[in-house]
Amino acid sequence: PASAVQPAITFGCSLEQAWGCDVAQLQPQQLADWVQLYEQQGYLLVWREGHAYVVIKQDCKQLQQALLRAIWQAAWLDSNTVATQQPLQQQQQRQQQQCSNTALLKSSLDALDGQFGEFLQEAHGLGWNTDVGVFRVGNTRVVL
């Protein structure tokens, strides 16, 4: 079942779903930094609780490519972060920090930029058609 796939990814969610709170509660600079990180992507990604929340940009021209890039980034984040068992209050604080950890997201985007081309070449070499995919994507799009 889809719920067993790791890492868990939700495509086409709202900003509130992605951040897990009302966006008005976030610091404007925090949002600005996050949006700037994803300036060259067709999506925005929030990583929290071992789950990737992918917000699709309204002007995303290559949706299949953007979704594949988001999957690659989520897999990188999943393999490069550690989930820990902590008391609830510490977990909530950690989640807030993880959501806003621009250094972690930047590292994942740098890895994506450096390794995604090779991933595509290997996938094509194995006979994958990366232009076609079946993804459950919500209808929400964000205009920046």
C-alpha atoms as a PDB file:
ATOM      1  CA  PRO A   1       0.000   0.000   0.000  1.00  0.00           C
ATOM      2  CA  ALA A   2       1.002   3.615  -0.561  1.00  0.00           C
ATOM      3  CA  SER A   3       1.164   4.186   3.205  1.00  0.00           C
ATOM      4  CA  ALA A   4       4.095   1.748   3.435  1.00  0.00           C
ATOM      5  CA  VAL A   5       6.311   3.669   1.006  1.00  0.00           C
ATOM      6  CA  GLN A   6       9.327   5.398   2.550  1.00  0.00           C
ATOM      7  CA  PRO A   7       9.801   8.249   2.648  1.00  0.00           C
ATOM      8  CA  ALA A   8       6.209   9.367   2.934  1.00  0.00           C
ATOM      9  CA  ILE A   9       5.408  12.181   0.496  1.00  0.00           C
ATOM     10  CA  THR A  10       2.305  14.319   0.075  1.00  0.00           C
ATOM     11  CA  PHE A  11       2.150  16.088  -3.306  1.00  0.00           C
ATOM     12  CA  GLY A  12       0.126  19.205  -4.068  1.00  0.00           C
ATOM     13  CA  CYS A  13      -0.625  20.208  -0.495  1.00  0.00           C
ATOM     14  CA  SER A  14      -1.332  23.692   0.809  1.00  0.00           C
ATOM     15  CA  LEU A  15       1.219  25.773   2.694  1.00  0.00           C
ATOM     16  CA  GLU A  16      -0.702  25.118   5.911  1.00  0.00           C
ATOM     17  CA  GLN A  17      -0.627  21.354   5.331  1.00  0.00           C
ATOM     18  CA  ALA A  18       3.066  21.494   4.536  1.00  0.00           C
ATOM     19  CA  TRP A  19       4.045  23.491   7.603  1.00  0.00           C
ATOM     20  CA  GLY A  20       1.464  21.889   9.883  1.00  0.00           C
ATOM     21  CA  CYS A  21       0.251  25.263  11.113  1.00  0.00           C
ATOM     22  CA  ASP A  22      -1.280  28.529   9.976  1.00  0.00           C
ATOM     23  CA  VAL A  23       1.348  30.199   7.787  1.00  0.00           C
ATOM     24  CA  ALA A  24       0.609  33.526   9.520  1.00  0.00           C
ATOM     25  CA  GLN A  25       2.265  32.043  12.631  1.00  0.00           C
ATOM     26  CA  LEU A  26       5.602  31.706  10.833  1.00  0.00           C
ATOM     27  CA  GLN A  27       8.287  34.346  10.752  1.00  0.00           C
ATOM     28  CA  PRO A  28       8.209  36.287   7.442  1.00  0.00           C
ATOM     29  CA  GLN A  29      11.989  35.863   7.054  1.00  0.00           C
ATOM     30  CA  GLN A  30      11.635  32.104   7.563  1.00  0.00           C
ATOM     31  CA  LEU A  31       9.126  31.917   4.716  1.00  0.00           C
ATOM     32  CA  ALA A  32      11.192  34.200   2.500  1.00  0.00           C
ATOM     33  CA  ASP A  33      14.322  32.072   3.030  1.00  0.00           C
ATOM     34  CA  TRP A  34      12.365  28.886   2.251  1.00  0.00           C
ATOM     35  CA  VAL A  35      10.848  30.329  -0.929  1.00  0.00           C
ATOM     36  CA  GLN A  36      14.243  31.626  -2.056  1.00  0.00           C
ATOM     37  CA  LEU A  37      15.784  28.156  -1.638  1.00  0.00           C
ATOM     38  CA  TYR A  38      13.273  26.754  -4.117  1.00  0.00           C
ATOM     39  CA  GLU A  39      13.447  29.613  -6.598  1.00  0.00           C
ATOM     40  CA  GLN A  40      14.787  27.333  -9.361  1.00  0.00           C
ATOM     41  CA  GLN A  41      12.404  24.432  -8.624  1.00  0.00           C
ATOM     42  CA  GLY A  42       8.804  23.838  -9.694  1.00  0.00           C
ATOM     43  CA  TYR A  43       7.909  23.007  -6.118  1.00  0.00           C
ATOM     44  CA  LEU A  44       8.559  23.868  -2.479  1.00  0.00           C
ATOM     45  CA  LEU A  45       9.294  21.097   0.021  1.00  0.00           C
ATOM     46  CA  VAL A  46       8.869  20.941   3.786  1.00  0.00           C
ATOM     47  CA  TRP A  47      10.495  18.044   5.618  1.00  0.00           C
ATOM     48  CA  ARG A  48       9.000  17.258   9.018  1.00  0.00           C
ATOM     49  CA  GLU A  49       8.445  14.101  11.025  1.00  0.00           C
ATOM     50  CA  GLY A  50      10.154  12.040   8.312  1.00  0.00           C
ATOM     51  CA  HIS A  51       7.520  13.145   5.795  1.00  0.00           C
ATOM     52  CA  ALA A  52       7.971  15.335   2.713  1.00  0.00           C
ATOM     53  CA  TYR A  53       5.214  17.830   1.989  1.00  0.00           C
ATOM     54  CA  VAL A  54       5.457  19.111  -1.576  1.00  0.00           C
ATOM     55  CA  VAL A  55       3.770  22.370  -2.529  1.00  0.00           C
ATOM     56  CA  ILE A  56       3.483  22.738  -6.314  1.00  0.00           C
ATOM     57  CA  LYS A  57       4.113  26.175  -7.790  1.00  0.00           C
ATOM     58  CA  GLN A  58       1.361  27.526 -10.046  1.00  0.00           C
ATOM     59  CA  ASP A  59       3.857  28.231 -12.831  1.00  0.00           C
ATOM     60  CA  CYS A  60       5.437  24.753 -12.753  1.00  0.00           C
ATOM     61  CA  LYS A  61       5.940  23.880 -16.423  1.00  0.00           C
ATOM     62  CA  GLN A  62       7.378  20.363 -16.107  1.00  0.00           C
ATOM     63  CA  LEU A  63       5.290  18.727 -13.393  1.00  0.00           C
ATOM     64  CA  GLN A  64       6.598  15.160 -13.929  1.00  0.00           C
ATOM     65  CA  GLN A  65      10.200  16.354 -13.683  1.00  0.00           C
ATOM     66  CA  ALA A  66       9.432  18.470 -10.603  1.00  0.00           C
ATOM     67  CA  LEU A  67       7.733  15.543  -8.859  1.00  0.00           C
ATOM     68  CA  LEU A  68      10.640  13.232  -9.650  1.00  0.00           C
ATOM     69  CA  ARG A  69      13.083  15.826  -8.294  1.00  0.00           C
ATOM     70  CA  ALA A  70      10.971  16.158  -5.122  1.00  0.00           C
ATOM     71  CA  ILE A  71      11.011  12.373  -4.673  1.00  0.00           C
ATOM     72  CA  TRP A  72      14.791  12.295  -5.068  1.00  0.00           C
ATOM     73  CA  GLN A  73      15.167  15.137  -2.556  1.00  0.00           C
ATOM     74  CA  ALA A  74      12.830  13.423  -0.059  1.00  0.00           C
ATOM     75  CA  ALA A  75      14.812  10.184  -0.365  1.00  0.00           C
ATOM     76  CA  TRP A  76      18.029  12.112   0.304  1.00  0.00           C
ATOM     77  CA  LEU A  77      16.479  13.793   3.351  1.00  0.00           C
ATOM     78  CA  ASP A  78      15.173  10.449   4.607  1.00  0.00           C
ATOM     79  CA  SER A  79      18.607   8.854   4.380  1.00  0.00           C
ATOM     80  CA  ASN A  80      20.426  11.876   5.846  1.00  0.00           C
ATOM     81  CA  THR A  81      18.268  12.671   8.876  1.00  0.00           C
ATOM     82  CA  VAL A  82      17.708  10.619  11.979  1.00  0.00           C
ATOM     83  CA  ALA A  83      14.318  10.131  13.623  1.00  0.00           C
ATOM     84  CA  THR A  84      14.554  10.000  17.392  1.00  0.00           C
ATOM     85  CA  GLN A  85      12.226   8.998  20.184  1.00  0.00           C
ATOM     86  CA  GLN A  86      11.727  12.109  22.312  1.00  0.00           C
ATOM     87  CA  PRO A  87       9.079  13.449  24.659  1.00  0.00           C
ATOM     88  CA  LEU A  88       6.215  15.180  22.821  1.00  0.00           C
ATOM     89  CA  GLN A  89       7.275  18.753  23.663  1.00  0.00           C
ATOM     90  CA  GLN A  90      10.833  18.116  22.444  1.00  0.00           C
ATOM     91  CA  GLN A  91       9.459  16.459  19.302  1.00  0.00           C
ATOM     92  CA  GLN A  92       7.301  19.502  18.538  1.00  0.00           C
ATOM     93  CA  GLN A  93      10.250  21.871  19.005  1.00  0.00           C
ATOM     94  CA  ARG A  94      12.442  19.626  16.864  1.00  0.00           C
ATOM     95  CA  GLN A  95       9.751  19.485  14.151  1.00  0.00           C
ATOM     96  CA  GLN A  96       9.547  23.287  14.055  1.00  0.00           C
ATOM     97  CA  GLN A  97      13.347  23.497  13.763  1.00  0.00           C
ATOM     98  CA  GLN A  98      13.466  20.766  11.129  1.00  0.00           C
ATOM     99  CA  CYS A  99      10.792  22.494   9.030  1.00  0.00           C
ATOM    100  CA  SER A 100      12.761  25.701   9.091  1.00  0.00           C
ATOM    101  CA  ASN A 101      16.209  24.153   8.788  1.00  0.00           C
ATOM    102  CA  THR A 102      17.253  25.904   5.622  1.00  0.00           C
ATOM    103  CA  ALA A 103      20.782  24.471   5.908  1.00  0.00           C
ATOM    104  CA  LEU A 104      19.434  20.921   5.698  1.00  0.00           C
ATOM    105  CA  LEU A 105      17.152  21.781   2.791  1.00  0.00           C
ATOM    106  CA  LYS A 106      19.992  23.607   1.037  1.00  0.00           C
ATOM    107  CA  SER A 107      22.242  20.565   1.454  1.00  0.00           C
ATOM    108  CA  SER A 108      19.559  18.353  -0.045  1.00  0.00           C
ATOM    109  CA  LEU A 109      19.083  20.745  -2.981  1.00  0.00           C
ATOM    110  CA  ASP A 110      22.849  20.909  -3.538  1.00  0.00           C
ATOM    111  CA  ALA A 111      22.947  17.098  -3.587  1.00  0.00           C
ATOM    112  CA  LEU A 112      19.989  17.095  -5.970  1.00  0.00           C
ATOM    113  CA  ASP A 113      21.719  19.502  -8.334  1.00  0.00           C
ATOM    114  CA  GLY A 114      24.920  17.477  -8.217  1.00  0.00           C
ATOM    115  CA  GLN A 115      23.493  13.970  -8.510  1.00  0.00           C
ATOM    116  CA  PHE A 116      20.097  14.095 -10.192  1.00  0.00           C
ATOM    117  CA  GLY A 117      21.499  14.067 -13.738  1.00  0.00           C
ATOM    118  CA  GLU A 118      23.433  10.883 -13.001  1.00  0.00           C
ATOM    119  CA  PHE A 119      20.324   9.346 -11.440  1.00  0.00           C
ATOM    120  CA  LEU A 120      18.341  10.096 -14.616  1.00  0.00           C
ATOM    121  CA  GLN A 121      21.075   8.608 -16.830  1.00  0.00           C
ATOM    122  CA  GLU A 122      21.132   5.418 -14.761  1.00  0.00           C
ATOM    123  CA  ALA A 123      17.329   5.222 -14.764  1.00  0.00           C
ATOM    124  CA  HIS A 124      17.186   5.638 -18.541  1.00  0.00           C
ATOM    125  CA  GLY A 125      19.952   3.047 -18.902  1.00  0.00           C
ATOM    126  CA  LEU A 126      17.756   0.602 -16.989  1.00  0.00           C
ATOM    127  CA  GLY A 127      14.845   1.299 -19.342  1.00  0.00           C
ATOM    128  CA  TRP A 128      12.856   3.688 -17.153  1.00  0.00           C
ATOM    129  CA  ASN A 129      10.710   6.298 -18.858  1.00  0.00           C
ATOM    130  CA  THR A 130      11.015   9.229 -16.478  1.00  0.00           C
ATOM    131  CA  ASP A 131       8.610  11.344 -18.531  1.00  0.00           C
ATOM    132  CA  VAL A 132       5.689   9.210 -17.392  1.00  0.00           C
ATOM    133  CA  GLY A 133       4.702   8.617 -13.797  1.00  0.00           C
ATOM    134  CA  VAL A 134       1.615   7.915 -11.781  1.00  0.00           C
ATOM    135  CA  PHE A 135       1.465  10.265  -8.816  1.00  0.00           C
ATOM    136  CA  ARG A 136      -1.435  11.206  -6.611  1.00  0.00           C
ATOM    137  CA  VAL A 137      -1.188  14.984  -6.668  1.00  0.00           C
ATOM    138  CA  GLY A 138      -3.538  17.370  -4.904  1.00  0.00           C
ATOM    139  CA  ASN A 139      -5.035  20.318  -6.757  1.00  0.00           C
ATOM    140  CA  THR A 140      -3.526  23.046  -4.610  1.00  0.00           C
ATOM    141  CA  ARG A 141      -0.996  25.318  -6.331  1.00  0.00           C
ATOM    142  CA  VAL A 142       0.812  28.279  -4.842  1.00  0.00           C
ATOM    143  CA  VAL A 143       1.451  31.573  -6.613  1.00  0.00           C
ATOM    144  CA  LEU A 144       4.681  33.309  -5.593  1.00  0.00           C
END
